[in-house]
Amino acid sequence: MTTTLITGANKGLGYETARRLIEAGHTVYVGARDARRGQAAATELGARFVRIDVTEEDSVKAAAEFVREDAGRLDVLVNNAGIGGAGKPVGEVTGADMRTTYDTNVFGVVRVTHAFLPLLEAGDAPVVVNVGSGLGSPAATADPSRIEFHVALLDYNSSKTALVMVTSQYAKAYPAIRFNAVDPGYTATDLNDHQGTNSVEEGAEIIVRMASIGAHGPTGGFFDKTGPVAW
């Protein structure tokens, strides 16, 4: 049985990813900050609920201890929790805005990964999927033909760029664990007030695919539904 934790899984891409992986036979832990919403989502999905706020060290440690006691290992970690940032023009973004966005989108991924590394190392063919964005690609955001070119979000975009490097560094340090970042595309979620052109079903496709790669899949990469993301 494949044991999987998904952060931010009570709605949107996280919820759909959980649904698909449960359908594929995974035992899924739905991670969420809000206990009521998280438990409701887990009940609907037939999953286990674990409260986890990726910005709180104690919460992350408690979640790791819960999974350790409950399952003894973790085979797949999907770092999906994220925020959209301040939404301000570039020149109005402050250091405090940057810190807030990075605390979830970058530092939160590191907190969770760090806490769950021992459980991943005890897992079978462990895999980590970090949910990024094409907005983190310098090539995509510099190409006028791409939708990413028209979105200037200093804190959010740069946090997703940093996430790719975080993924790469973990992949080199832990060759027995497959670490990859993914771009689900412009997906209609709360993060963009449901303005995205992709459905959550379409957006979750690459997350589910990379969560299922097994021991011989790629590592240290950044992928969307068509393959490696332009960097």
C-alpha atoms as a PDB file:
ATOM      1  CA  MET A   1       0.000   0.000   0.000  1.00  0.00           C
ATOM      2  CA  THR A   2       1.383   3.402  -1.011  1.00  0.00           C
ATOM      3  CA  THR A   3       1.147   5.965   1.774  1.00  0.00           C
ATOM      4  CA  THR A   4       0.782   9.571   0.599  1.00  0.00           C
ATOM      5  CA  LEU A   5       0.558  12.986   2.259  1.00  0.00           C
ATOM      6  CA  ILE A   6      -0.790  15.996   0.364  1.00  0.00           C
ATOM      7  CA  THR A   7      -0.611  19.438   1.946  1.00  0.00           C
ATOM      8  CA  GLY A   8      -3.375  21.929   1.217  1.00  0.00           C
ATOM      9  CA  ALA A   9      -5.597  19.040   0.186  1.00  0.00           C
ATOM     10  CA  ASN A  10      -8.999  20.166   1.418  1.00  0.00           C
ATOM     11  CA  LYS A  11      -9.840  21.868  -1.905  1.00  0.00           C
ATOM     12  CA  GLY A  12      -8.690  22.597  -5.448  1.00  0.00           C
ATOM     13  CA  LEU A  13      -5.678  20.806  -6.901  1.00  0.00           C
ATOM     14  CA  GLY A  14      -4.838  19.116  -3.608  1.00  0.00           C
ATOM     15  CA  TYR A  15      -8.323  17.661  -3.264  1.00  0.00           C
ATOM     16  CA  GLU A  16      -8.422  16.431  -6.864  1.00  0.00           C
ATOM     17  CA  THR A  17      -4.946  14.923  -6.532  1.00  0.00           C
ATOM     18  CA  ALA A  18      -6.061  13.108  -3.383  1.00  0.00           C
ATOM     19  CA  ARG A  19      -9.151  11.790  -5.138  1.00  0.00           C
ATOM     20  CA  ARG A  20      -7.144  10.469  -8.063  1.00  0.00           C
ATOM     21  CA  LEU A  21      -4.459   8.844  -5.934  1.00  0.00           C
ATOM     22  CA  ILE A  22      -7.027   7.184  -3.688  1.00  0.00           C
ATOM     23  CA  GLU A  23      -8.643   5.858  -6.848  1.00  0.00           C
ATOM     24  CA  ALA A  24      -5.222   4.453  -7.790  1.00  0.00           C
ATOM     25  CA  GLY A  25      -4.952   2.638  -4.466  1.00  0.00           C
ATOM     26  CA  HIS A  26      -2.996   5.056  -2.295  1.00  0.00           C
ATOM     27  CA  THR A  27      -3.683   5.567   1.389  1.00  0.00           C
ATOM     28  CA  VAL A  28      -3.874   9.354   1.455  1.00  0.00           C
ATOM     29  CA  TYR A  29      -3.411  11.758   4.335  1.00  0.00           C
ATOM     30  CA  VAL A  30      -5.256  14.988   3.614  1.00  0.00           C
ATOM     31  CA  GLY A  31      -3.223  17.809   5.126  1.00  0.00           C
ATOM     32  CA  ALA A  32      -4.970  21.103   5.897  1.00  0.00           C
ATOM     33  CA  ARG A  33      -4.714  24.038   8.302  1.00  0.00           C
ATOM     34  CA  ASP A  34      -8.428  24.188   9.012  1.00  0.00           C
ATOM     35  CA  ALA A  35      -9.441  21.093  10.978  1.00  0.00           C
ATOM     36  CA  ARG A  36     -13.145  21.335  10.118  1.00  0.00           C
ATOM     37  CA  ARG A  37     -12.606  21.705   6.381  1.00  0.00           C
ATOM     38  CA  GLY A  38      -9.790  19.196   6.322  1.00  0.00           C
ATOM     39  CA  GLN A  39     -11.768  16.547   8.170  1.00  0.00           C
ATOM     40  CA  ALA A  40     -14.799  17.142   5.938  1.00  0.00           C
ATOM     41  CA  ALA A  41     -12.657  16.719   2.812  1.00  0.00           C
ATOM     42  CA  ALA A  42     -11.021  13.567   4.184  1.00  0.00           C
ATOM     43  CA  THR A  43     -14.411  12.072   5.003  1.00  0.00           C
ATOM     44  CA  GLU A  44     -15.717  12.844   1.507  1.00  0.00           C
ATOM     45  CA  LEU A  45     -12.636  11.302  -0.083  1.00  0.00           C
ATOM     46  CA  GLY A  46     -12.241   8.283   2.153  1.00  0.00           C
ATOM     47  CA  ALA A  47      -8.859   9.583   3.311  1.00  0.00           C
ATOM     48  CA  ARG A  48      -7.145  10.236   6.643  1.00  0.00           C
ATOM     49  CA  PHE A  49      -6.970  13.786   7.958  1.00  0.00           C
ATOM     50  CA  VAL A  50      -3.880  15.360   9.488  1.00  0.00           C
ATOM     51  CA  ARG A  51      -3.808  18.977  10.593  1.00  0.00           C
ATOM     52  CA  ILE A  52      -0.759  20.764   9.233  1.00  0.00           C
ATOM     53  CA  ASP A  53       0.025  24.451   8.922  1.00  0.00           C
ATOM     54  CA  VAL A  54       3.182  24.636   6.834  1.00  0.00           C
ATOM     55  CA  THR A  55       4.090  28.012   8.357  1.00  0.00           C
ATOM     56  CA  GLU A  56       4.206  26.605  11.906  1.00  0.00           C
ATOM     57  CA  GLU A  57       7.141  24.417  12.913  1.00  0.00           C
ATOM     58  CA  ASP A  58       5.273  22.741  15.776  1.00  0.00           C
ATOM     59  CA  SER A  59       2.311  21.926  13.547  1.00  0.00           C
ATOM     60  CA  VAL A  60       4.562  20.329  10.934  1.00  0.00           C
ATOM     61  CA  LYS A  61       6.441  18.284  13.542  1.00  0.00           C
ATOM     62  CA  ALA A  62       3.170  17.110  15.075  1.00  0.00           C
ATOM     63  CA  ALA A  63       1.884  16.041  11.652  1.00  0.00           C
ATOM     64  CA  ALA A  64       5.059  14.060  10.989  1.00  0.00           C
ATOM     65  CA  GLU A  65       4.755  12.349  14.369  1.00  0.00           C
ATOM     66  CA  PHE A  66       1.106  11.504  13.655  1.00  0.00           C
ATOM     67  CA  VAL A  67       1.979   9.865  10.327  1.00  0.00           C
ATOM     68  CA  ARG A  68       4.949   8.062  11.908  1.00  0.00           C
ATOM     69  CA  GLU A  69       2.737   6.560  14.619  1.00  0.00           C
ATOM     70  CA  ASP A  70      -0.097   5.804  12.214  1.00  0.00           C
ATOM     71  CA  ALA A  71       1.804   4.411   9.216  1.00  0.00           C
ATOM     72  CA  GLY A  72       5.491   4.189  10.110  1.00  0.00           C
ATOM     73  CA  ARG A  73       6.613   5.537   6.740  1.00  0.00           C
ATOM     74  CA  LEU A  74       5.710   7.831   3.844  1.00  0.00           C
ATOM     75  CA  ASP A  75       5.984   6.837   0.190  1.00  0.00           C
ATOM     76  CA  VAL A  76       4.771  10.026  -1.509  1.00  0.00           C
ATOM     77  CA  LEU A  77       4.821  13.638  -0.341  1.00  0.00           C
ATOM     78  CA  VAL A  78       2.986  16.260  -2.391  1.00  0.00           C
ATOM     79  CA  ASN A  79       3.889  19.780  -1.262  1.00  0.00           C
ATOM     80  CA  ASN A  80       0.814  21.498  -2.639  1.00  0.00           C
ATOM     81  CA  ALA A  81      -0.022  24.157  -0.024  1.00  0.00           C
ATOM     82  CA  GLY A  82       0.617  27.650  -1.360  1.00  0.00           C
ATOM     83  CA  ILE A  83      -0.609  31.229  -1.354  1.00  0.00           C
ATOM     84  CA  GLY A  84      -0.981  33.746  -4.161  1.00  0.00           C
ATOM     85  CA  GLY A  85       0.953  36.514  -2.473  1.00  0.00           C
ATOM     86  CA  ALA A  86       0.267  40.215  -2.063  1.00  0.00           C
ATOM     87  CA  GLY A  87      -1.039  40.806  -5.588  1.00  0.00           C
ATOM     88  CA  LYS A  88       0.610  44.229  -5.729  1.00  0.00           C
ATOM     89  CA  PRO A  89       2.435  46.004  -8.560  1.00  0.00           C
ATOM     90  CA  VAL A  90       6.130  45.103  -8.496  1.00  0.00           C
ATOM     91  CA  GLY A  91       7.244  48.485  -7.134  1.00  0.00           C
ATOM     92  CA  GLU A  92       4.810  48.299  -4.224  1.00  0.00           C
ATOM     93  CA  VAL A  93       5.903  44.897  -2.922  1.00  0.00           C
ATOM     94  CA  THR A  94       7.635  45.160   0.460  1.00  0.00           C
ATOM     95  CA  GLY A  95      10.086  42.933   2.240  1.00  0.00           C
ATOM     96  CA  ALA A  96       7.287  41.915   4.585  1.00  0.00           C
ATOM     97  CA  ASP A  97       5.171  40.868   1.578  1.00  0.00           C
ATOM     98  CA  MET A  98       8.037  38.761   0.280  1.00  0.00           C
ATOM     99  CA  ARG A  99       8.548  37.130   3.669  1.00  0.00           C
ATOM    100  CA  THR A 100       4.870  36.214   3.974  1.00  0.00           C
ATOM    101  CA  THR A 101       4.729  34.609   0.533  1.00  0.00           C
ATOM    102  CA  TYR A 102       8.015  32.768   0.916  1.00  0.00           C
ATOM    103  CA  ASP A 103       7.004  31.526   4.372  1.00  0.00           C
ATOM    104  CA  THR A 104       4.355  29.334   2.762  1.00  0.00           C
ATOM    105  CA  ASN A 105       5.587  28.745  -0.780  1.00  0.00           C
ATOM    106  CA  VAL A 106       9.272  28.104  -0.059  1.00  0.00           C
ATOM    107  CA  PHE A 107      10.031  27.841   3.660  1.00  0.00           C
ATOM    108  CA  GLY A 108       6.859  25.807   4.179  1.00  0.00           C
ATOM    109  CA  VAL A 109       8.033  23.246   1.632  1.00  0.00           C
ATOM    110  CA  VAL A 110      11.381  23.019   3.409  1.00  0.00           C
ATOM    111  CA  ARG A 111       9.723  22.668   6.842  1.00  0.00           C
ATOM    112  CA  VAL A 112       7.511  19.838   5.641  1.00  0.00           C
ATOM    113  CA  THR A 113      10.212  18.070   3.651  1.00  0.00           C
ATOM    114  CA  HIS A 114      12.689  18.293   6.519  1.00  0.00           C
ATOM    115  CA  ALA A 115      10.189  16.857   9.014  1.00  0.00           C
ATOM    116  CA  PHE A 116       9.125  13.993   6.761  1.00  0.00           C
ATOM    117  CA  LEU A 117      12.534  12.995   5.363  1.00  0.00           C
ATOM    118  CA  PRO A 118      13.025  10.144   7.880  1.00  0.00           C
ATOM    119  CA  LEU A 119       9.605   8.730   6.972  1.00  0.00           C
ATOM    120  CA  LEU A 120      10.332   9.075   3.258  1.00  0.00           C
ATOM    121  CA  GLU A 121      13.637   7.258   3.686  1.00  0.00           C
ATOM    122  CA  ALA A 122      11.665   4.434   5.335  1.00  0.00           C
ATOM    123  CA  GLY A 123       9.229   4.319   2.413  1.00  0.00           C
ATOM    124  CA  ASP A 124       9.143   2.186  -0.698  1.00  0.00           C
ATOM    125  CA  ALA A 125      10.479   4.072  -3.758  1.00  0.00           C
ATOM    126  CA  PRO A 126       9.826   7.472  -2.121  1.00  0.00           C
ATOM    127  CA  VAL A 127       8.703  10.412  -4.231  1.00  0.00           C
ATOM    128  CA  VAL A 128       8.308  14.129  -3.506  1.00  0.00           C
ATOM    129  CA  VAL A 129       6.281  16.385  -5.806  1.00  0.00           C
ATOM    130  CA  ASN A 130       6.550  20.142  -5.292  1.00  0.00           C
ATOM    131  CA  VAL A 131       3.694  22.032  -6.930  1.00  0.00           C
ATOM    132  CA  GLY A 132       5.222  25.001  -8.714  1.00  0.00           C
ATOM    133  CA  SER A 133       4.085  27.243 -11.555  1.00  0.00           C
ATOM    134  CA  GLY A 134       5.099  28.307 -15.023  1.00  0.00           C
ATOM    135  CA  LEU A 135       5.272  31.780 -13.465  1.00  0.00           C
ATOM    136  CA  GLY A 136       8.479  30.590 -11.828  1.00  0.00           C
ATOM    137  CA  SER A 137      10.151  29.962 -15.185  1.00  0.00           C
ATOM    138  CA  PRO A 138      12.406  32.821 -16.372  1.00  0.00           C
ATOM    139  CA  ALA A 139      12.031  31.562 -19.950  1.00  0.00           C
ATOM    140  CA  ALA A 140       8.231  31.482 -19.838  1.00  0.00           C
ATOM    141  CA  THR A 141       7.887  34.882 -18.178  1.00  0.00           C
ATOM    142  CA  ALA A 142      10.245  36.449 -20.744  1.00  0.00           C
ATOM    143  CA  ASP A 143       8.389  35.057 -23.781  1.00  0.00           C
ATOM    144  CA  PRO A 144       5.703  37.477 -25.101  1.00  0.00           C
ATOM    145  CA  SER A 145       3.839  34.573 -26.686  1.00  0.00           C
ATOM    146  CA  ARG A 146       3.236  32.954 -23.293  1.00  0.00           C
ATOM    147  CA  ILE A 147       0.500  33.849 -20.822  1.00  0.00           C
ATOM    148  CA  GLU A 148       3.150  33.947 -18.074  1.00  0.00           C
ATOM    149  CA  PHE A 149       4.754  36.982 -19.738  1.00  0.00           C
ATOM    150  CA  HIS A 150       1.776  39.128 -18.770  1.00  0.00           C
ATOM    151  CA  VAL A 151       1.744  38.276 -15.050  1.00  0.00           C
ATOM    152  CA  ALA A 152       4.131  40.414 -12.966  1.00  0.00           C
ATOM    153  CA  LEU A 153       4.005  39.212  -9.356  1.00  0.00           C
ATOM    154  CA  LEU A 154       7.333  39.797  -7.659  1.00  0.00           C
ATOM    155  CA  ASP A 155       6.700  37.720  -4.547  1.00  0.00           C
ATOM    156  CA  TYR A 156       4.694  34.836  -6.019  1.00  0.00           C
ATOM    157  CA  ASN A 157       6.683  34.347  -9.229  1.00  0.00           C
ATOM    158  CA  SER A 158      10.064  34.468  -7.514  1.00  0.00           C
ATOM    159  CA  SER A 159       8.875  32.080  -4.795  1.00  0.00           C
ATOM    160  CA  LYS A 160       8.063  29.520  -7.467  1.00  0.00           C
ATOM    161  CA  THR A 161      11.469  30.068  -9.082  1.00  0.00           C
ATOM    162  CA  ALA A 162      13.106  29.428  -5.715  1.00  0.00           C
ATOM    163  CA  LEU A 163      11.015  26.275  -5.323  1.00  0.00           C
ATOM    164  CA  VAL A 164      12.586  24.750  -8.437  1.00  0.00           C
ATOM    165  CA  MET A 165      16.083  25.250  -7.004  1.00  0.00           C
ATOM    166  CA  VAL A 166      14.974  23.844  -3.644  1.00  0.00           C
ATOM    167  CA  THR A 167      13.727  20.785  -5.518  1.00  0.00           C
ATOM    168  CA  SER A 168      16.986  20.423  -7.422  1.00  0.00           C
ATOM    169  CA  GLN A 169      19.097  20.645  -4.281  1.00  0.00           C
ATOM    170  CA  TYR A 170      17.062  17.998  -2.460  1.00  0.00           C
ATOM    171  CA  ALA A 171      17.269  15.726  -5.505  1.00  0.00           C
ATOM    172  CA  LYS A 172      21.068  15.892  -5.512  1.00  0.00           C
ATOM    173  CA  ALA A 173      21.329  15.387  -1.757  1.00  0.00           C
ATOM    174  CA  TYR A 174      18.904  12.432  -1.647  1.00  0.00           C
ATOM    175  CA  PRO A 175      19.343  10.328  -4.797  1.00  0.00           C
ATOM    176  CA  ALA A 176      17.178   7.524  -3.396  1.00  0.00           C
ATOM    177  CA  ILE A 177      14.172   9.876  -3.291  1.00  0.00           C
ATOM    178  CA  ARG A 178      12.658  11.206  -6.522  1.00  0.00           C
ATOM    179  CA  PHE A 179      12.195  14.974  -6.127  1.00  0.00           C
ATOM    180  CA  ASN A 180      10.451  16.928  -8.883  1.00  0.00           C
ATOM    181  CA  ALA A 181       8.640  20.237  -9.310  1.00  0.00           C
ATOM    182  CA  VAL A 182       5.545  20.464 -11.497  1.00  0.00           C
ATOM    183  CA  ASP A 183       3.561  23.168 -13.268  1.00  0.00           C
ATOM    184  CA  PRO A 184      -0.172  22.357 -13.330  1.00  0.00           C
ATOM    185  CA  GLY A 185      -0.821  25.229 -15.725  1.00  0.00           C
ATOM    186  CA  TYR A 186      -3.290  28.070 -15.374  1.00  0.00           C
ATOM    187  CA  THR A 187      -5.838  26.180 -13.343  1.00  0.00           C
ATOM    188  CA  ALA A 188      -9.120  27.558 -12.032  1.00  0.00           C
ATOM    189  CA  THR A 189      -8.712  27.580  -8.237  1.00  0.00           C
ATOM    190  CA  ASP A 190      -9.251  29.942  -5.318  1.00  0.00           C
ATOM    191  CA  LEU A 191      -5.675  31.159  -5.875  1.00  0.00           C
ATOM    192  CA  ASN A 192      -6.768  33.035  -9.031  1.00  0.00           C
ATOM    193  CA  ASP A 193     -10.458  33.519  -8.201  1.00  0.00           C
ATOM    194  CA  HIS A 194     -11.221  30.620 -10.565  1.00  0.00           C
ATOM    195  CA  GLN A 195     -10.100  32.583 -13.609  1.00  0.00           C
ATOM    196  CA  GLY A 196      -7.754  29.820 -14.805  1.00  0.00           C
ATOM    197  CA  THR A 197      -8.368  28.202 -18.170  1.00  0.00           C
ATOM    198  CA  ASN A 198      -7.657  24.641 -16.994  1.00  0.00           C
ATOM    199  CA  SER A 199      -9.995  22.594 -14.831  1.00  0.00           C
ATOM    200  CA  VAL A 200      -8.653  21.101 -11.599  1.00  0.00           C
ATOM    201  CA  GLU A 201      -8.900  17.711 -13.291  1.00  0.00           C
ATOM    202  CA  GLU A 202      -6.546  18.922 -16.030  1.00  0.00           C
ATOM    203  CA  GLY A 203      -4.238  20.676 -13.590  1.00  0.00           C
ATOM    204  CA  ALA A 204      -3.930  17.669 -11.305  1.00  0.00           C
ATOM    205  CA  GLU A 205      -2.850  15.404 -14.165  1.00  0.00           C
ATOM    206  CA  ILE A 206       0.868  16.236 -13.948  1.00  0.00           C
ATOM    207  CA  ILE A 207       0.841  16.085 -10.137  1.00  0.00           C
ATOM    208  CA  VAL A 208      -0.694  12.610 -10.169  1.00  0.00           C
ATOM    209  CA  ARG A 209       1.654  11.470 -12.933  1.00  0.00           C
ATOM    210  CA  MET A 210       4.784  12.583 -11.098  1.00  0.00           C
ATOM    211  CA  ALA A 211       3.507  11.192  -7.803  1.00  0.00           C
ATOM    212  CA  SER A 212       3.329   7.795  -9.502  1.00  0.00           C
ATOM    213  CA  ILE A 213       6.771   7.600 -11.152  1.00  0.00           C
ATOM    214  CA  GLY A 214       8.312   5.036  -8.813  1.00  0.00           C
ATOM    215  CA  ALA A 215      11.970   4.321  -8.147  1.00  0.00           C
ATOM    216  CA  HIS A 216      13.174   4.665 -11.739  1.00  0.00           C
ATOM    217  CA  GLY A 217      11.478   7.936 -12.647  1.00  0.00           C
ATOM    218  CA  PRO A 218      13.250  11.256 -13.214  1.00  0.00           C
ATOM    219  CA  THR A 219      14.503  13.382 -10.361  1.00  0.00           C
ATOM    220  CA  GLY A 220      15.532  17.013  -9.968  1.00  0.00           C
ATOM    221  CA  GLY A 221      13.317  18.165 -12.830  1.00  0.00           C
ATOM    222  CA  PHE A 222      10.524  20.636 -13.506  1.00  0.00           C
ATOM    223  CA  PHE A 223       7.643  19.267 -15.566  1.00  0.00           C
ATOM    224  CA  ASP A 224       4.287  20.206 -17.019  1.00  0.00           C
ATOM    225  CA  LYS A 225       1.819  18.049 -18.919  1.00  0.00           C
ATOM    226  CA  THR A 226       3.951  18.198 -22.096  1.00  0.00           C
ATOM    227  CA  GLY A 227       7.309  17.357 -20.484  1.00  0.00           C
ATOM    228  CA  PRO A 228      10.218  19.396 -19.079  1.00  0.00           C
ATOM    229  CA  VAL A 229       9.389  23.071 -18.490  1.00  0.00           C
ATOM    230  CA  ALA A 230      11.438  25.667 -20.381  1.00  0.00           C
ATOM    231  CA  TRP A 231      13.901  27.166 -17.973  1.00  0.00           C
END
